[in-house]
C-alpha atoms as a PDB file:
ATOM      1  CA  MET A   1       4.551   3.757 -10.290  1.00  0.00           C
ATOM      2  CA  GLY A   2       7.659   2.566  -7.362  1.00  0.00           C
ATOM      3  CA  GLN A   3      10.697   0.210  -7.550  1.00  0.00           C
ATOM      4  CA  PRO A   4       9.433  -3.213  -6.589  1.00  0.00           C
ATOM      5  CA  LEU A   5       9.876  -4.120  -2.619  1.00  0.00           C
ATOM      6  CA  GLY A   6       8.422  -7.850  -2.986  1.00  0.00           C
ATOM      7  CA  GLN A   7       5.375  -9.824  -1.732  1.00  0.00           C
ATOM      8  CA  LEU A   8       3.571  -8.386   1.450  1.00  0.00           C
ATOM      9  CA  LYS A   9       1.381 -11.621   3.211  1.00  0.00           C
ATOM     10  CA  VAL A  10      -0.744 -10.355   5.594  1.00  0.00           C
ATOM     11  CA  ASN A  11      -2.229 -12.764   8.300  1.00  0.00           C
ATOM     12  CA  VAL A  12      -4.555 -11.562   9.940  1.00  0.00           C
ATOM     13  CA  VAL A  13      -4.635 -14.093  12.295  1.00  0.00           C
ATOM     14  CA  GLN A  14      -7.411 -13.002  14.708  1.00  0.00           C
ATOM     15  CA  GLY A  15      -9.207 -10.258  16.862  1.00  0.00           C
ATOM     16  CA  LYS A  16      -9.541 -10.289  20.525  1.00  0.00           C
ATOM     17  CA  ARG A  17     -12.939  -8.074  22.169  1.00  0.00           C
ATOM     18  CA  LEU A  18     -14.304  -6.703  19.602  1.00  0.00           C
ATOM     19  CA  VAL A  19     -17.055  -4.560  20.398  1.00  0.00           C
ATOM     20  CA  ILE A  20     -20.893  -5.925  19.803  1.00  0.00           C
ATOM     21  CA  ARG A  21     -22.813  -4.296  17.153  1.00  0.00           C
ATOM     22  CA  ASP A  22     -25.540  -6.856  16.851  1.00  0.00           C
ATOM     23  CA  PHE A  23     -27.842  -7.689  19.152  1.00  0.00           C
ATOM     24  CA  LYS A  24     -25.599  -9.748  21.978  1.00  0.00           C
ATOM     25  CA  SER A  25     -22.532 -10.259  19.101  1.00  0.00           C
ATOM     26  CA  SER A  26     -21.418  -9.288  15.934  1.00  0.00           C
ATOM     27  CA  ASP A  27     -20.120 -11.469  12.426  1.00  0.00           C
ATOM     28  CA  PRO A  28     -17.097 -10.242  12.235  1.00  0.00           C
ATOM     29  CA  TYR A  29     -14.789  -9.471   9.445  1.00  0.00           C
ATOM     30  CA  VAL A  30     -11.149  -7.438   7.970  1.00  0.00           C
ATOM     31  CA  VAL A  31     -10.696  -5.244   4.766  1.00  0.00           C
ATOM     32  CA  VAL A  32      -7.385  -4.066   4.947  1.00  0.00           C
ATOM     33  CA  LYS A  33      -5.272  -1.650   2.664  1.00  0.00           C
ATOM     34  CA  LEU A  34      -2.328  -0.515   1.118  1.00  0.00           C
ATOM     35  CA  GLY A  35      -2.824   1.923  -1.343  1.00  0.00           C
ATOM     36  CA  ASN A  36      -5.235   0.621  -4.181  1.00  0.00           C
ATOM     37  CA  GLN A  37      -4.828  -2.602  -2.995  1.00  0.00           C
ATOM     38  CA  THR A  38      -8.298  -4.010  -0.882  1.00  0.00           C
ATOM     39  CA  ALA A  39      -8.483  -7.262   0.408  1.00  0.00           C
ATOM     40  CA  LYS A  40     -10.511  -9.171   3.350  1.00  0.00           C
ATOM     41  CA  THR A  41     -11.260 -11.941   4.748  1.00  0.00           C
ATOM     42  CA  LYS A  42     -14.409 -14.405   5.975  1.00  0.00           C
ATOM     43  CA  VAL A  43     -17.142 -13.112   7.721  1.00  0.00           C
ATOM     44  CA  ILE A  44     -17.059 -15.013  11.268  1.00  0.00           C
ATOM     45  CA  ASN A  45     -21.006 -15.594  12.734  1.00  0.00           C
ATOM     46  CA  SER A  46     -21.470 -14.117  16.026  1.00  0.00           C
ATOM     47  CA  CYS A  47     -18.302 -14.173  17.063  1.00  0.00           C
ATOM     48  CA  LEU A  48     -16.148 -10.934  19.544  1.00  0.00           C
ATOM     49  CA  ASN A  49     -13.182 -13.134  19.540  1.00  0.00           C
ATOM     50  CA  PRO A  50     -12.824 -14.578  15.664  1.00  0.00           C
ATOM     51  CA  VAL A  51     -10.346 -16.727  14.500  1.00  0.00           C
ATOM     52  CA  TRP A  52      -9.538 -16.004  10.782  1.00  0.00           C
ATOM     53  CA  ASN A  53      -6.252 -17.351   9.808  1.00  0.00           C
ATOM     54  CA  GLU A  54      -6.742 -15.835   6.444  1.00  0.00           C
ATOM     55  CA  GLU A  55      -2.903 -14.946   3.930  1.00  0.00           C
ATOM     56  CA  LEU A  56      -3.990 -11.661   2.373  1.00  0.00           C
ATOM     57  CA  SER A  57      -1.102 -10.857  -0.357  1.00  0.00           C
ATOM     58  CA  PHE A  58      -0.726  -7.434  -1.622  1.00  0.00           C
ATOM     59  CA  SER A  59       2.406  -5.572  -3.951  1.00  0.00           C
ATOM     60  CA  LEU A  60       4.902  -4.027  -1.989  1.00  0.00           C
ATOM     61  CA  THR A  61       6.611  -0.984  -4.019  1.00  0.00           C
ATOM     62  CA  GLU A  62       8.514   2.178  -2.904  1.00  0.00           C
ATOM     63  CA  PRO A  63       7.674   4.341  -1.563  1.00  0.00           C
ATOM     64  CA  VAL A  64       6.714   2.353   0.865  1.00  0.00           C
ATOM     65  CA  GLY A  65       3.272   3.350   2.475  1.00  0.00           C
ATOM     66  CA  VAL A  66       0.953   2.533   5.899  1.00  0.00           C
ATOM     67  CA  LEU A  67      -0.850  -1.076   5.957  1.00  0.00           C
ATOM     68  CA  SER A  68      -5.152   0.091   6.927  1.00  0.00           C
ATOM     69  CA  LEU A  69      -7.195  -2.348   8.187  1.00  0.00           C
ATOM     70  CA  GLU A  70     -10.940  -1.423   9.159  1.00  0.00           C
ATOM     71  CA  VAL A  71     -12.834  -4.050  10.853  1.00  0.00           C
ATOM     72  CA  PHE A  72     -17.278  -4.687  10.175  1.00  0.00           C
ATOM     73  CA  ASP A  73     -19.862  -6.352  11.581  1.00  0.00           C
ATOM     74  CA  LYS A  74     -21.199  -8.201   8.320  1.00  0.00           C
ATOM     75  CA  ASP A  75     -25.415  -6.822   8.416  1.00  0.00           C
ATOM     76  CA  ARG A  76     -27.622  -9.228   5.527  1.00  0.00           C
ATOM     77  CA  PHE A  77     -30.380  -5.733   5.529  1.00  0.00           C
ATOM     78  CA  LYS A  78     -28.651  -2.789   6.111  1.00  0.00           C
ATOM     79  CA  ALA A  79     -25.027  -1.769   5.450  1.00  0.00           C
ATOM     80  CA  ASP A  80     -22.090  -2.810   7.420  1.00  0.00           C
ATOM     81  CA  ASP A  81     -21.290  -1.366  11.123  1.00  0.00           C
ATOM     82  CA  LYS A  82     -18.039   0.142  11.177  1.00  0.00           C
ATOM     83  CA  MET A  83     -15.884  -1.959  14.100  1.00  0.00           C
ATOM     84  CA  GLY A  84     -13.140   0.440  14.346  1.00  0.00           C
ATOM     85  CA  ASN A  85      -9.699   0.610  12.001  1.00  0.00           C
ATOM     86  CA  ALA A  86      -6.199   0.596  12.498  1.00  0.00           C
ATOM     87  CA  TYR A  87      -3.332   1.701  11.018  1.00  0.00           C
ATOM     88  CA  LEU A  88       0.889   0.210  10.489  1.00  0.00           C
ATOM     89  CA  ASN A  89       3.373   2.080   9.412  1.00  0.00           C
ATOM     90  CA  LEU A  90       5.714  -0.450   7.027  1.00  0.00           C
ATOM     91  CA  GLN A  91       8.811   1.838   7.250  1.00  0.00           C
ATOM     92  CA  PRO A  92      10.127  -0.578  10.107  1.00  0.00           C
ATOM     93  CA  ILE A  93       9.123  -4.050   8.716  1.00  0.00           C
ATOM     94  CA  THR A  94      10.640  -2.652   4.665  1.00  0.00           C
ATOM     95  CA  SER A  95      13.971  -0.913   6.390  1.00  0.00           C
ATOM     96  CA  SER A  96      14.196  -4.312   8.240  1.00  0.00           C
ATOM     97  CA  THR A  97      14.233  -5.920   5.050  1.00  0.00           C
ATOM     98  CA  ARG A  98      16.677  -4.264   3.646  1.00  0.00           C
ATOM     99  CA  MET A  99      19.320  -4.533   7.100  1.00  0.00           C
ATOM    100  CA  LYS A 100      18.632  -8.748   5.597  1.00  0.00           C
ATOM    101  CA  HIS A 101      20.103  -8.089   2.629  1.00  0.00           C
ATOM    102  CA  VAL A 102      23.347  -6.723   4.212  1.00  0.00           C
ATOM    103  CA  VAL A 103      23.462  -9.298   6.798  1.00  0.00           C
ATOM    104  CA  HIS A 104      23.143 -11.962   4.715  1.00  0.00           C
ATOM    105  CA  THR A 105      21.006 -13.677   7.217  1.00  0.00           C
ATOM    106  CA  SER A 106      19.239 -16.928   5.934  1.00  0.00           C
ATOM    107  CA  ALA A 107      18.821 -19.788   8.916  1.00  0.00           C
ATOM    108  CA  GLY A 108      17.390 -19.893  12.096  1.00  0.00           C
ATOM    109  CA  GLU A 109      16.065 -16.339  14.062  1.00  0.00           C
ATOM    110  CA  ILE A 110      17.794 -13.090  14.618  1.00  0.00           C
ATOM    111  CA  PRO A 111      15.681 -10.382  15.941  1.00  0.00           C
ATOM    112  CA  LEU A 112      16.681  -6.865  13.947  1.00  0.00           C
ATOM    113  CA  ARG A 113      14.736  -4.771  16.015  1.00  0.00           C
ATOM    114  CA  LYS A 114      11.598  -4.108  18.375  1.00  0.00           C
ATOM    115  CA  VAL A 115       8.983  -1.633  17.514  1.00  0.00           C
ATOM    116  CA  VAL A 116       6.918  -0.362  20.366  1.00  0.00           C
ATOM    117  CA  PRO A 117       3.877   1.818  20.384  1.00  0.00           C
ATOM    118  CA  ASP A 118       3.646   5.463  19.641  1.00  0.00           C
ATOM    119  CA  SER A 119       1.689   8.097  17.840  1.00  0.00           C
ATOM    120  CA  ASP A 120       3.020   6.279  14.717  1.00  0.00           C
ATOM    121  CA  ASN A 121       1.249   2.881  15.003  1.00  0.00           C
ATOM    122  CA  CYS A 122      -1.771   1.484  16.321  1.00  0.00           C
ATOM    123  CA  LEU A 123       0.041  -1.488  18.023  1.00  0.00           C
ATOM    124  CA  ALA A 124      -1.696  -2.716  20.877  1.00  0.00           C
ATOM    125  CA  ARG A 125       2.482  -4.131  22.771  1.00  0.00           C
ATOM    126  CA  GLU A 126       5.910  -4.277  21.650  1.00  0.00           C
ATOM    127  CA  SER A 127       7.067  -5.556  18.458  1.00  0.00           C
ATOM    128  CA  SER A 128       9.195  -7.321  17.269  1.00  0.00           C
ATOM    129  CA  ILE A 129      10.335  -7.972  13.901  1.00  0.00           C
ATOM    130  CA  ILE A 130      13.037 -11.279  13.351  1.00  0.00           C
ATOM    131  CA  CYS A 131      14.260 -12.805  10.645  1.00  0.00           C
ATOM    132  CA  VAL A 132      13.189 -16.622  10.176  1.00  0.00           C
ATOM    133  CA  ASN A 133      15.367 -18.617   7.783  1.00  0.00           C
ATOM    134  CA  GLY A 134      16.040 -15.684   5.782  1.00  0.00           C
ATOM    135  CA  GLU A 135      12.221 -14.155   6.052  1.00  0.00           C
ATOM    136  CA  VAL A 136      11.432 -11.058   8.043  1.00  0.00           C
ATOM    137  CA  VAL A 137       8.551 -10.981   9.534  1.00  0.00           C
ATOM    138  CA  GLN A 138       6.739  -9.126  12.074  1.00  0.00           C
ATOM    139  CA  ASN A 139       4.094 -11.001  14.608  1.00  0.00           C
ATOM    140  CA  VAL A 140       1.381  -7.069  15.954  1.00  0.00           C
ATOM    141  CA  TRP A 141      -1.270  -6.711  18.065  1.00  0.00           C
ATOM    142  CA  LEU A 142      -3.089  -3.834  16.534  1.00  0.00           C
ATOM    143  CA  ARG A 143      -5.153  -1.374  18.750  1.00  0.00           C
ATOM    144  CA  LEU A 144      -8.057  -1.012  17.274  1.00  0.00           C
ATOM    145  CA  CYS A 145      -9.624   2.731  16.466  1.00  0.00           C
ATOM    146  CA  GLU A 146     -12.882   4.858  16.695  1.00  0.00           C
ATOM    147  CA  VAL A 147     -14.215   1.920  18.971  1.00  0.00           C
ATOM    148  CA  GLU A 148     -14.862   0.973  22.430  1.00  0.00           C
ATOM    149  CA  SER A 149     -12.374  -1.962  22.612  1.00  0.00           C
ATOM    150  CA  GLY A 150     -10.749  -4.418  19.605  1.00  0.00           C
ATOM    151  CA  GLU A 151      -7.314  -5.859  18.893  1.00  0.00           C
ATOM    152  CA  ILE A 152      -6.807  -7.202  15.928  1.00  0.00           C
ATOM    153  CA  GLU A 153      -3.204  -9.352  15.558  1.00  0.00           C
ATOM    154  CA  LEU A 154      -1.535  -9.283  11.909  1.00  0.00           C
ATOM    155  CA  LYS A 155       1.672 -11.792  10.943  1.00  0.00           C
ATOM    156  CA  ILE A 156       3.108 -10.173   8.388  1.00  0.00           C
ATOM    157  CA  LYS A 157       6.302 -10.500   6.145  1.00  0.00           C
ATOM    158  CA  ILE A 158       8.488 -10.327   3.297  1.00  0.00           C
ATOM    159  CA  VAL A 159       8.699 -12.349   0.664  1.00  0.00           C
ATOM    160  CA  ASP A 160      11.260 -11.390  -1.952  1.00  0.00           C
ATOM    161  CA  ALA A 161       9.829 -11.911  -5.656  1.00  0.00           C
ATOM    162  CA  PRO A 162      11.782 -12.369  -8.453  1.00  0.00           C
ATOM    163  CA  VAL A 163      10.837 -11.149 -11.440  1.00  0.00           C
ATOM    164  CA  VAL A 164       9.625 -14.720 -13.789  1.00  0.00           C
ATOM    165  CA  SER A 165       8.997 -14.412 -17.455  1.00  0.00           C
ATOM    166  CA  SER A 166       6.388 -16.751 -18.048  1.00  0.00           C
ATOM    167  CA  GLY A 167       6.722 -18.387 -21.621  1.00  0.00           C
END
């Protein structure tokens, strides 16, 4: 594989204006993928504006891929219904992490760059990548694709993972 870059922490914060897939509501959960790694949130029953606030972790390696997510409606007796998908290019946050090593920021909050919605991402609005006390953090609202409405808020950070030998 590639060179390890650390841990990618993805906090799936909340969803807004998700689509109805059951009678009057939905039971949404989010599946997040990075390369061959997959993680998912818990199911929030009967909610179109769910708050998960759940942190998922992924190993980040070169070359940096795209973080993709799919939202599903949990169904008991049939296949779960799709409620949209979105993706985020991780290049801006990883290059900002490299920049952080150059400028040696440690205390306080320093803006590193802005990412604007374009064809390379599903951003619903402009997103800032900041360095907070030495950690590079990006707060994003992703617009769900292939669906009538819906947005998902993520807080993403890269944590430097030093190699720890066991024993």
